mmCIF file of all heavy atoms, coordinates in Angstrom:
data_MODEL
# 
_entry.id   MODEL 
# 
loop_
_atom_site.group_PDB 
_atom_site.id 
_atom_site.type_symbol 
_atom_site.label_atom_id 
_atom_site.label_alt_id 
_atom_site.label_comp_id 
_atom_site.label_asym_id 
_atom_site.label_entity_id 
_atom_site.label_seq_id 
_atom_site.pdbx_PDB_ins_code 
_atom_site.Cartn_x 
_atom_site.Cartn_y 
_atom_site.Cartn_z 
_atom_site.occupancy 
_atom_site.B_iso_or_equiv 
_atom_site.pdbx_formal_charge 
_atom_site.auth_seq_id 
_atom_site.auth_comp_id 
_atom_site.auth_asym_id 
_atom_site.auth_atom_id 
_atom_site.pdbx_PDB_model_num 
ATOM 1   N N   . VAL A 1 1  ? -70.130 62.724 59.518 1.00 0.00 ? 1  VAL A N   1 
ATOM 2   C CA  . VAL A 1 1  ? -71.521 62.311 59.458 1.00 0.00 ? 1  VAL A CA  1 
ATOM 3   C C   . VAL A 1 1  ? -72.261 63.550 58.976 1.00 0.00 ? 1  VAL A C   1 
ATOM 4   O O   . VAL A 1 1  ? -72.259 64.582 59.648 1.00 0.00 ? 1  VAL A O   1 
ATOM 5   C CB  . VAL A 1 1  ? -72.049 61.829 60.823 1.00 0.00 ? 1  VAL A CB  1 
ATOM 6   C CG1 . VAL A 1 1  ? -73.530 61.495 60.720 1.00 0.00 ? 1  VAL A CG1 1 
ATOM 7   C CG2 . VAL A 1 1  ? -71.249 60.627 61.311 1.00 0.00 ? 1  VAL A CG2 1 
ATOM 8   N N   . ILE A 1 2  ? -72.848 63.453 57.797 1.00 0.00 ? 2  ILE A N   1 
ATOM 9   C CA  . ILE A 1 2  ? -73.485 64.597 57.146 1.00 0.00 ? 2  ILE A CA  1 
ATOM 10  C C   . ILE A 1 2  ? -74.995 64.415 57.182 1.00 0.00 ? 2  ILE A C   1 
ATOM 11  O O   . ILE A 1 2  ? -75.524 63.440 56.655 1.00 0.00 ? 2  ILE A O   1 
ATOM 12  C CB  . ILE A 1 2  ? -73.015 64.732 55.682 1.00 0.00 ? 2  ILE A CB  1 
ATOM 13  C CG1 . ILE A 1 2  ? -71.490 64.826 55.604 1.00 0.00 ? 2  ILE A CG1 1 
ATOM 14  C CG2 . ILE A 1 2  ? -73.683 65.925 55.019 1.00 0.00 ? 2  ILE A CG2 1 
ATOM 15  C CD1 . ILE A 1 2  ? -70.927 64.695 54.190 1.00 0.00 ? 2  ILE A CD1 1 
ATOM 16  N N   . SER A 1 3  ? -75.681 65.356 57.814 1.00 0.00 ? 3  SER A N   1 
ATOM 17  C CA  . SER A 1 3  ? -77.146 65.384 57.820 1.00 0.00 ? 3  SER A CA  1 
ATOM 18  C C   . SER A 1 3  ? -77.577 66.415 56.793 1.00 0.00 ? 3  SER A C   1 
ATOM 19  O O   . SER A 1 3  ? -77.182 67.581 56.895 1.00 0.00 ? 3  SER A O   1 
ATOM 20  C CB  . SER A 1 3  ? -77.674 65.792 59.200 1.00 0.00 ? 3  SER A CB  1 
ATOM 21  O OG  . SER A 1 3  ? -77.227 64.903 60.177 1.00 0.00 ? 3  SER A OG  1 
ATOM 22  N N   . VAL A 1 4  ? -78.348 65.988 55.823 1.00 0.00 ? 4  VAL A N   1 
ATOM 23  C CA  . VAL A 1 4  ? -78.778 66.926 54.785 1.00 0.00 ? 4  VAL A CA  1 
ATOM 24  C C   . VAL A 1 4  ? -80.256 67.260 54.936 1.00 0.00 ? 4  VAL A C   1 
ATOM 25  O O   . VAL A 1 4  ? -81.037 66.461 55.441 1.00 0.00 ? 4  VAL A O   1 
ATOM 26  C CB  . VAL A 1 4  ? -78.490 66.397 53.357 1.00 0.00 ? 4  VAL A CB  1 
ATOM 27  C CG1 . VAL A 1 4  ? -77.012 66.193 53.146 1.00 0.00 ? 4  VAL A CG1 1 
ATOM 28  C CG2 . VAL A 1 4  ? -79.241 65.125 53.064 1.00 0.00 ? 4  VAL A CG2 1 
ATOM 29  N N   . GLY A 1 5  ? -80.610 68.441 54.497 1.00 0.00 ? 5  GLY A N   1 
ATOM 30  C CA  . GLY A 1 5  ? -82.001 68.867 54.546 1.00 0.00 ? 5  GLY A CA  1 
ATOM 31  C C   . GLY A 1 5  ? -82.892 67.906 53.775 1.00 0.00 ? 5  GLY A C   1 
ATOM 32  O O   . GLY A 1 5  ? -82.461 67.282 52.797 1.00 0.00 ? 5  GLY A O   1 
ATOM 33  N N   . GLY A 1 6  ? -84.126 67.801 54.210 1.00 0.00 ? 6  GLY A N   1 
ATOM 34  C CA  . GLY A 1 6  ? -85.056 66.848 53.612 1.00 0.00 ? 6  GLY A CA  1 
ATOM 35  C C   . GLY A 1 6  ? -85.289 67.026 52.126 1.00 0.00 ? 6  GLY A C   1 
ATOM 36  O O   . GLY A 1 6  ? -85.551 66.060 51.409 1.00 0.00 ? 6  GLY A O   1 
ATOM 37  N N   . GLY A 1 7  ? -85.186 68.259 51.632 1.00 0.00 ? 7  GLY A N   1 
ATOM 38  C CA  . GLY A 1 7  ? -85.422 68.518 50.216 1.00 0.00 ? 7  GLY A CA  1 
ATOM 39  C C   . GLY A 1 7  ? -84.176 68.523 49.365 1.00 0.00 ? 7  GLY A C   1 
ATOM 40  O O   . GLY A 1 7  ? -84.250 68.723 48.144 1.00 0.00 ? 7  GLY A O   1 
ATOM 41  N N   . ALA A 1 8  ? -83.023 68.268 49.948 1.00 0.00 ? 8  ALA A N   1 
ATOM 42  C CA  . ALA A 1 8  ? -81.771 68.286 49.186 1.00 0.00 ? 8  ALA A CA  1 
ATOM 43  C C   . ALA A 1 8  ? -81.788 67.266 48.053 1.00 0.00 ? 8  ALA A C   1 
ATOM 44  O O   . ALA A 1 8  ? -81.148 67.464 47.020 1.00 0.00 ? 8  ALA A O   1 
ATOM 45  C CB  . ALA A 1 8  ? -80.581 68.032 50.104 1.00 0.00 ? 8  ALA A CB  1 
ATOM 46  N N   . VAL A 1 9  ? -82.547 66.188 48.238 1.00 0.00 ? 9  VAL A N   1 
ATOM 47  C CA  . VAL A 1 9  ? -82.603 65.132 47.218 1.00 0.00 ? 9  VAL A CA  1 
ATOM 48  C C   . VAL A 1 9  ? -83.344 65.553 45.960 1.00 0.00 ? 9  VAL A C   1 
ATOM 49  O O   . VAL A 1 9  ? -83.297 64.848 44.953 1.00 0.00 ? 9  VAL A O   1 
ATOM 50  C CB  . VAL A 1 9  ? -83.242 63.846 47.784 1.00 0.00 ? 9  VAL A CB  1 
ATOM 51  C CG1 . VAL A 1 9  ? -82.415 63.282 48.917 1.00 0.00 ? 9  VAL A CG1 1 
ATOM 52  C CG2 . VAL A 1 9  ? -84.689 64.081 48.206 1.00 0.00 ? 9  VAL A CG2 1 
ATOM 53  N N   . LEU A 1 10 ? -84.008 66.689 45.992 1.00 0.00 ? 10 LEU A N   1 
ATOM 54  C CA  . LEU A 1 10 ? -84.746 67.154 44.811 1.00 0.00 ? 10 LEU A CA  1 
ATOM 55  C C   . LEU A 1 10 ? -83.810 67.482 43.651 1.00 0.00 ? 10 LEU A C   1 
ATOM 56  O O   . LEU A 1 10 ? -84.204 67.441 42.499 1.00 0.00 ? 10 LEU A O   1 
ATOM 57  C CB  . LEU A 1 10 ? -85.593 68.378 45.159 1.00 0.00 ? 10 LEU A CB  1 
ATOM 58  C CG  . LEU A 1 10 ? -86.709 68.138 46.180 1.00 0.00 ? 10 LEU A CG  1 
ATOM 59  C CD1 . LEU A 1 10 ? -87.340 69.463 46.598 1.00 0.00 ? 10 LEU A CD1 1 
ATOM 60  C CD2 . LEU A 1 10 ? -87.753 67.184 45.623 1.00 0.00 ? 10 LEU A CD2 1 
ATOM 61  N N   . SER A 1 11 ? -82.561 67.796 43.966 1.00 0.00 ? 11 SER A N   1 
ATOM 62  C CA  . SER A 1 11 ? -81.569 68.149 42.955 1.00 0.00 ? 11 SER A CA  1 
ATOM 63  C C   . SER A 1 11 ? -80.751 66.927 42.559 1.00 0.00 ? 11 SER A C   1 
ATOM 64  O O   . SER A 1 11 ? -80.133 66.286 43.413 1.00 0.00 ? 11 SER A O   1 
ATOM 65  C CB  . SER A 1 11 ? -80.638 69.235 43.513 1.00 0.00 ? 11 SER A CB  1 
ATOM 66  O OG  . SER A 1 11 ? -79.437 69.287 42.785 1.00 0.00 ? 11 SER A OG  1 
ATOM 67  N N   . GLU A 1 12 ? -80.723 66.632 41.270 1.00 0.00 ? 12 GLU A N   1 
ATOM 68  C CA  . GLU A 1 12 ? -79.902 65.524 40.788 1.00 0.00 ? 12 GLU A CA  1 
ATOM 69  C C   . GLU A 1 12 ? -78.425 65.775 41.087 1.00 0.00 ? 12 GLU A C   1 
ATOM 70  O O   . GLU A 1 12 ? -77.676 64.852 41.430 1.00 0.00 ? 12 GLU A O   1 
ATOM 71  C CB  . GLU A 1 12 ? -80.108 65.319 39.290 1.00 0.00 ? 12 GLU A CB  1 
ATOM 72  C CG  . GLU A 1 12 ? -79.356 64.138 38.743 1.00 0.00 ? 12 GLU A CG  1 
ATOM 73  C CD  . GLU A 1 12 ? -79.632 63.872 37.277 1.00 0.00 ? 12 GLU A CD  1 
ATOM 74  O OE1 . GLU A 1 12 ? -80.392 64.629 36.645 1.00 0.00 ? 12 GLU A OE1 1 
ATOM 75  O OE2 . GLU A 1 12 ? -79.065 62.893 36.752 1.00 0.00 ? 12 GLU A OE2 1 
ATOM 76  N N   . GLN A 1 13 ? -78.013 67.026 40.985 1.00 0.00 ? 13 GLN A N   1 
ATOM 77  C CA  . GLN A 1 13 ? -76.625 67.381 41.300 1.00 0.00 ? 13 GLN A CA  1 
ATOM 78  C C   . GLN A 1 13 ? -76.298 67.029 42.751 1.00 0.00 ? 13 GLN A C   1 
ATOM 79  O O   . GLN A 1 13 ? -75.239 66.479 43.046 1.00 0.00 ? 13 GLN A O   1 
ATOM 80  C CB  . GLN A 1 13 ? -76.402 68.873 41.043 1.00 0.00 ? 13 GLN A CB  1 
ATOM 81  C CG  . GLN A 1 13 ? -74.977 69.327 41.266 1.00 0.00 ? 13 GLN A CG  1 
ATOM 82  C CD  . GLN A 1 13 ? -74.796 70.812 40.959 1.00 0.00 ? 13 GLN A CD  1 
ATOM 83  O OE1 . GLN A 1 13 ? -75.729 71.518 40.587 1.00 0.00 ? 13 GLN A OE1 1 
ATOM 84  N NE2 . GLN A 1 13 ? -73.575 71.287 41.124 1.00 0.00 ? 13 GLN A NE2 1 
ATOM 85  N N   . ASN A 1 14 ? -77.215 67.335 43.661 1.00 0.00 ? 14 ASN A N   1 
ATOM 86  C CA  . ASN A 1 14 ? -77.004 66.991 45.071 1.00 0.00 ? 14 ASN A CA  1 
ATOM 87  C C   . ASN A 1 14 ? -76.964 65.480 45.264 1.00 0.00 ? 14 ASN A C   1 
ATOM 88  O O   . ASN A 1 14 ? -76.110 64.962 45.983 1.00 0.00 ? 14 ASN A O   1 
ATOM 89  C CB  . ASN A 1 14 ? -78.098 67.585 45.956 1.00 0.00 ? 14 ASN A CB  1 
ATOM 90  C CG  . ASN A 1 14 ? -78.032 69.091 46.056 1.00 0.00 ? 14 ASN A CG  1 
ATOM 91  O OD1 . ASN A 1 14 ? -77.038 69.710 45.688 1.00 0.00 ? 14 ASN A OD1 1 
ATOM 92  N ND2 . ASN A 1 14 ? -79.107 69.682 46.539 1.00 0.00 ? 14 ASN A ND2 1 
ATOM 93  N N   . ARG A 1 15 ? -77.900 64.779 44.635 1.00 0.00 ? 15 ARG A N   1 
ATOM 94  C CA  . ARG A 1 15 ? -77.934 63.319 44.785 1.00 0.00 ? 15 ARG A CA  1 
ATOM 95  C C   . ARG A 1 15 ? -76.618 62.701 44.306 1.00 0.00 ? 15 ARG A C   1 
ATOM 96  O O   . ARG A 1 15 ? -76.057 61.826 44.968 1.00 0.00 ? 15 ARG A O   1 
ATOM 97  C CB  . ARG A 1 15 ? -79.122 62.713 44.032 1.00 0.00 ? 15 ARG A CB  1 
ATOM 98  C CG  . ARG A 1 15 ? -80.473 63.066 44.643 1.00 0.00 ? 15 ARG A CG  1 
ATOM 99  C CD  . ARG A 1 15 ? -81.622 62.236 44.090 1.00 0.00 ? 15 ARG A CD  1 
ATOM 100 N NE  . ARG A 1 15 ? -81.721 62.178 42.652 1.00 0.00 ? 15 ARG A NE  1 
ATOM 101 C CZ  . ARG A 1 15 ? -82.350 63.074 41.875 1.00 0.00 ? 15 ARG A CZ  1 
ATOM 102 N NH1 . ARG A 1 15 ? -82.933 64.135 42.425 1.00 0.00 ? 15 ARG A NH1 1 
ATOM 103 N NH2 . ARG A 1 15 ? -82.408 62.915 40.573 1.00 0.00 ? 15 ARG A NH2 1 
ATOM 104 N N   . ASN A 1 16 ? -76.119 63.162 43.176 1.00 0.00 ? 16 ASN A N   1 
ATOM 105 C CA  . ASN A 1 16 ? -74.856 62.626 42.655 1.00 0.00 ? 16 ASN A CA  1 
ATOM 106 C C   . ASN A 1 16 ? -73.692 62.918 43.600 1.00 0.00 ? 16 ASN A C   1 
ATOM 107 O O   . ASN A 1 16 ? -72.867 62.052 43.860 1.00 0.00 ? 16 ASN A O   1 
ATOM 108 C CB  . ASN A 1 16 ? -74.569 63.180 41.263 1.00 0.00 ? 16 ASN A CB  1 
ATOM 109 C CG  . ASN A 1 16 ? -75.513 62.628 40.221 1.00 0.00 ? 16 ASN A CG  1 
ATOM 110 O OD1 . ASN A 1 16 ? -76.087 61.543 40.378 1.00 0.00 ? 16 ASN A OD1 1 
ATOM 111 N ND2 . ASN A 1 16 ? -75.700 63.375 39.148 1.00 0.00 ? 16 ASN A ND2 1 
ATOM 112 N N   . ALA A 1 17 ? -73.642 64.146 44.099 1.00 0.00 ? 17 ALA A N   1 
ATOM 113 C CA  . ALA A 1 17 ? -72.552 64.524 45.017 1.00 0.00 ? 17 ALA A CA  1 
ATOM 114 C C   . ALA A 1 17 ? -72.609 63.706 46.301 1.00 0.00 ? 17 ALA A C   1 
ATOM 115 O O   . ALA A 1 17 ? -71.577 63.237 46.794 1.00 0.00 ? 17 ALA A O   1 
ATOM 116 C CB  . ALA A 1 17 ? -72.625 66.017 45.331 1.00 0.00 ? 17 ALA A CB  1 
ATOM 117 N N   . LEU A 1 18 ? -73.793 63.519 46.840 1.00 0.00 ? 18 LEU A N   1 
ATOM 118 C CA  . LEU A 1 18 ? -73.939 62.760 48.085 1.00 0.00 ? 18 LEU A CA  1 
ATOM 119 C C   . LEU A 1 18 ? -73.614 61.284 47.868 1.00 0.00 ? 18 LEU A C   1 
ATOM 120 O O   . LEU A 1 18 ? -72.929 60.660 48.688 1.00 0.00 ? 18 LEU A O   1 
ATOM 121 C CB  . LEU A 1 18 ? -75.351 62.933 48.645 1.00 0.00 ? 18 LEU A CB  1 
ATOM 122 C CG  . LEU A 1 18 ? -75.686 64.359 49.103 1.00 0.00 ? 18 LEU A CG  1 
ATOM 123 C CD1 . LEU A 1 18 ? -77.178 64.509 49.355 1.00 0.00 ? 18 LEU A CD1 1 
ATOM 124 C CD2 . LEU A 1 18 ? -74.881 64.758 50.318 1.00 0.00 ? 18 LEU A CD2 1 
ATOM 125 N N   . ARG A 1 19 ? -74.078 60.733 46.767 1.00 0.00 ? 19 ARG A N   1 
ATOM 126 C CA  . ARG A 1 19 ? -73.809 59.329 46.446 1.00 0.00 ? 19 ARG A CA  1 
ATOM 127 C C   . ARG A 1 19 ? -72.301 59.081 46.354 1.00 0.00 ? 19 ARG A C   1 
ATOM 128 O O   . ARG A 1 19 ? -71.787 58.082 46.846 1.00 0.00 ? 19 ARG A O   1 
ATOM 129 C CB  . ARG A 1 19 ? -74.481 58.965 45.128 1.00 0.00 ? 19 ARG A CB  1 
ATOM 130 C CG  . ARG A 1 19 ? -74.382 57.512 44.735 1.00 0.00 ? 19 ARG A CG  1 
ATOM 131 C CD  . ARG A 1 19 ? -75.070 57.219 43.403 1.00 0.00 ? 19 ARG A CD  1 
ATOM 132 N NE  . ARG A 1 19 ? -76.507 57.477 43.460 1.00 0.00 ? 19 ARG A NE  1 
ATOM 133 C CZ  . ARG A 1 19 ? -77.116 58.493 42.816 1.00 0.00 ? 19 ARG A CZ  1 
ATOM 134 N NH1 . ARG A 1 19 ? -76.427 59.342 42.081 1.00 0.00 ? 19 ARG A NH1 1 
ATOM 135 N NH2 . ARG A 1 19 ? -78.421 58.646 42.906 1.00 0.00 ? 19 ARG A NH2 1 
ATOM 136 N N   . ASP A 1 20 ? -71.605 60.013 45.730 1.00 0.00 ? 20 ASP A N   1 
ATOM 137 C CA  . ASP A 1 20 ? -70.157 59.877 45.563 1.00 0.00 ? 20 ASP A CA  1 
ATOM 138 C C   . ASP A 1 20 ? -69.382 60.116 46.855 1.00 0.00 ? 20 ASP A C   1 
ATOM 139 O O   . ASP A 1 20 ? -68.231 59.705 46.967 1.00 0.00 ? 20 ASP A O   1 
ATOM 140 C CB  . ASP A 1 20 ? -69.645 60.859 44.497 1.00 0.00 ? 20 ASP A CB  1 
ATOM 141 C CG  . ASP A 1 20 ? -70.127 60.500 43.105 1.00 0.00 ? 20 ASP A CG  1 
ATOM 142 O OD1 . ASP A 1 20 ? -70.595 59.356 42.887 1.00 0.00 ? 20 ASP A OD1 1 
ATOM 143 O OD2 . ASP A 1 20 ? -70.041 61.380 42.220 1.00 0.00 ? 20 ASP A OD2 1 
ATOM 144 N N   . ALA A 1 21 ? -69.996 60.775 47.823 1.00 0.00 ? 21 ALA A N   1 
ATOM 145 C CA  . ALA A 1 21 ? -69.296 61.190 49.037 1.00 0.00 ? 21 ALA A CA  1 
ATOM 146 C C   . ALA A 1 21 ? -69.275 60.137 50.134 1.00 0.00 ? 21 ALA A C   1 
ATOM 147 O O   . ALA A 1 21 ? -68.520 60.266 51.094 1.00 0.00 ? 21 ALA A O   1 
ATOM 148 C CB  . ALA A 1 21 ? -69.910 62.475 49.585 1.00 0.00 ? 21 ALA A CB  1 
ATOM 149 N N   . GLY A 1 22 ? -70.114 59.118 50.026 1.00 0.00 ? 22 GLY A N   1 
ATOM 150 C CA  . GLY A 1 22 ? -70.110 58.121 51.089 1.00 0.00 ? 22 GLY A CA  1 
ATOM 151 C C   . GLY A 1 22 ? -71.351 57.272 51.115 1.00 0.00 ? 22 GLY A C   1 
ATOM 152 O O   . GLY A 1 22 ? -72.076 57.163 50.125 1.00 0.00 ? 22 GLY A O   1 
ATOM 153 N N   . LEU A 1 23 ? -71.608 56.697 52.256 1.00 0.00 ? 23 LEU A N   1 
ATOM 154 C CA  . LEU A 1 23 ? -72.721 55.787 52.470 1.00 0.00 ? 23 LEU A CA  1 
ATOM 155 C C   . LEU A 1 23 ? -73.970 56.590 52.833 1.00 0.00 ? 23 LEU A C   1 
ATOM 156 O O   . LEU A 1 23 ? -73.985 57.301 53.843 1.00 0.00 ? 23 LEU A O   1 
ATOM 157 C CB  . LEU A 1 23 ? -72.380 54.818 53.603 1.00 0.00 ? 23 LEU A CB  1 
ATOM 158 C CG  . LEU A 1 23 ? -73.439 53.794 53.965 1.00 0.00 ? 23 LEU A CG  1 
ATOM 159 C CD1 . LEU A 1 23 ? -73.558 52.750 52.860 1.00 0.00 ? 23 LEU A CD1 1 
ATOM 160 C CD2 . LEU A 1 23 ? -73.076 53.124 55.282 1.00 0.00 ? 23 LEU A CD2 1 
ATOM 161 N N   . CYS A 1 24 ? -75.004 56.474 52.020 1.00 0.00 ? 24 CYS A N   1 
ATOM 162 C CA  . CYS A 1 24 ? -76.253 57.210 52.258 1.00 0.00 ? 24 CYS A CA  1 
ATOM 163 C C   . CYS A 1 24 ? -77.251 56.311 52.981 1.00 0.00 ? 24 CYS A C   1 
ATOM 164 O O   . CYS A 1 24 ? -77.577 55.217 52.503 1.00 0.00 ? 24 CYS A O   1 
ATOM 165 C CB  . CYS A 1 24 ? -76.849 57.688 50.939 1.00 0.00 ? 24 CYS A CB  1 
ATOM 166 S SG  . CYS A 1 24 ? -75.816 58.899 50.096 1.00 0.00 ? 24 CYS A SG  1 
ATOM 167 N N   . ILE A 1 25 ? -77.715 56.796 54.114 1.00 0.00 ? 25 ILE A N   1 
ATOM 168 C CA  . ILE A 1 25 ? -78.674 56.054 54.932 1.00 0.00 ? 25 ILE A CA  1 
ATOM 169 C C   . ILE A 1 25 ? -79.941 56.892 55.063 1.00 0.00 ? 25 ILE A C   1 
ATOM 170 O O   . ILE A 1 25 ? -79.895 58.039 55.494 1.00 0.00 ? 25 ILE A O   1 
ATOM 171 C CB  . ILE A 1 25 ? -78.093 55.733 56.318 1.00 0.00 ? 25 ILE A CB  1 
ATOM 172 C CG1 . ILE A 1 25 ? -76.838 54.856 56.149 1.00 0.00 ? 25 ILE A CG1 1 
ATOM 173 C CG2 . ILE A 1 25 ? -79.135 55.055 57.199 1.00 0.00 ? 25 ILE A CG2 1 
ATOM 174 C CD1 . ILE A 1 25 ? -76.111 54.558 57.431 1.00 0.00 ? 25 ILE A CD1 1 
ATOM 175 N N   . TRP A 1 26 ? -81.056 56.294 54.689 1.00 0.00 ? 26 TRP A N   1 
ATOM 176 C CA  . TRP A 1 26 ? -82.360 56.953 54.731 1.00 0.00 ? 26 TRP A CA  1 
ATOM 177 C C   . TRP A 1 26 ? -83.021 56.626 56.067 1.00 0.00 ? 26 TRP A C   1 
ATOM 178 O O   . TRP A 1 26 ? -83.310 55.470 56.353 1.00 0.00 ? 26 TRP A O   1 
ATOM 179 C CB  . TRP A 1 26 ? -83.194 56.468 53.559 1.00 0.00 ? 26 TRP A CB  1 
ATOM 180 C CG  . TRP A 1 26 ? -84.599 56.964 53.473 1.00 0.00 ? 26 TRP A CG  1 
ATOM 181 C CD1 . TRP A 1 26 ? -85.167 58.001 54.130 1.00 0.00 ? 26 TRP A CD1 1 
ATOM 182 C CD2 . TRP A 1 26 ? -85.612 56.426 52.627 1.00 0.00 ? 26 TRP A CD2 1 
ATOM 183 N NE1 . TRP A 1 26 ? -86.484 58.153 53.757 1.00 0.00 ? 26 TRP A NE1 1 
ATOM 184 C CE2 . TRP A 1 26 ? -86.779 57.191 52.829 1.00 0.00 ? 26 TRP A CE2 1 
ATOM 185 C CE3 . TRP A 1 26 ? -85.652 55.369 51.729 1.00 0.00 ? 26 TRP A CE3 1 
ATOM 186 C CZ2 . TRP A 1 26 ? -87.970 56.927 52.158 1.00 0.00 ? 26 TRP A CZ2 1 
ATOM 187 C CZ3 . TRP A 1 26 ? -86.837 55.111 51.052 1.00 0.00 ? 26 TRP A CZ3 1 
ATOM 188 C CH2 . TRP A 1 26 ? -87.978 55.892 51.263 1.00 0.00 ? 26 TRP A CH2 1 
ATOM 189 N N   . LEU A 1 27 ? -83.225 57.652 56.877 1.00 0.00 ? 27 LEU A N   1 
ATOM 190 C CA  . LEU A 1 27 ? -83.943 57.504 58.140 1.00 0.00 ? 27 LEU A CA  1 
ATOM 191 C C   . LEU A 1 27 ? -85.421 57.751 57.867 1.00 0.00 ? 27 LEU A C   1 
ATOM 192 O O   . LEU A 1 27 ? -85.785 58.774 57.283 1.00 0.00 ? 27 LEU A O   1 
ATOM 193 C CB  . LEU A 1 27 ? -83.418 58.489 59.179 1.00 0.00 ? 27 LEU A CB  1 
ATOM 194 C CG  . LEU A 1 27 ? -81.927 58.384 59.522 1.00 0.00 ? 27 LEU A CG  1 
ATOM 195 C CD1 . LEU A 1 27 ? -81.562 59.378 60.616 1.00 0.00 ? 27 LEU A CD1 1 
ATOM 196 C CD2 . LEU A 1 27 ? -81.523 56.973 59.888 1.00 0.00 ? 27 LEU A CD2 1 
ATOM 197 N N   . THR A 1 28 ? -86.263 56.807 58.272 1.00 0.00 ? 28 THR A N   1 
ATOM 198 C CA  . THR A 1 28 ? -87.687 56.895 57.959 1.00 0.00 ? 28 THR A CA  1 
ATOM 199 C C   . THR A 1 28 ? -88.547 56.867 59.218 1.00 0.00 ? 28 THR A C   1 
ATOM 200 O O   . THR A 1 28 ? -88.131 56.376 60.256 1.00 0.00 ? 28 THR A O   1 
ATOM 201 C CB  . THR A 1 28 ? -88.134 55.731 57.046 1.00 0.00 ? 28 THR A CB  1 
ATOM 202 O OG1 . THR A 1 28 ? -88.008 54.507 57.774 1.00 0.00 ? 28 THR A OG1 1 
ATOM 203 C CG2 . THR A 1 28 ? -87.326 55.669 55.778 1.00 0.00 ? 28 THR A CG2 1 
ATOM 204 N N   . ALA A 1 29 ? -89.746 57.391 59.065 1.00 0.00 ? 29 ALA A N   1 
ATOM 205 C CA  . ALA A 1 29 ? -90.792 57.332 60.090 1.00 0.00 ? 29 ALA A CA  1 
ATOM 206 C C   . ALA A 1 29 ? -92.104 57.648 59.378 1.00 0.00 ? 29 ALA A C   1 
ATOM 207 O O   . ALA A 1 29 ? -92.099 58.318 58.339 1.00 0.00 ? 29 ALA A O   1 
ATOM 208 C CB  . ALA A 1 29 ? -90.530 58.337 61.211 1.00 0.00 ? 29 ALA A CB  1 
# 
């Protein structure tokens, strides 16, 4: 279970790596 920093999504490289690594769940409030 990987918790990533809130700004990690700013990088397309990070988004691609995370998308390929598993199920991405957005926790909101």
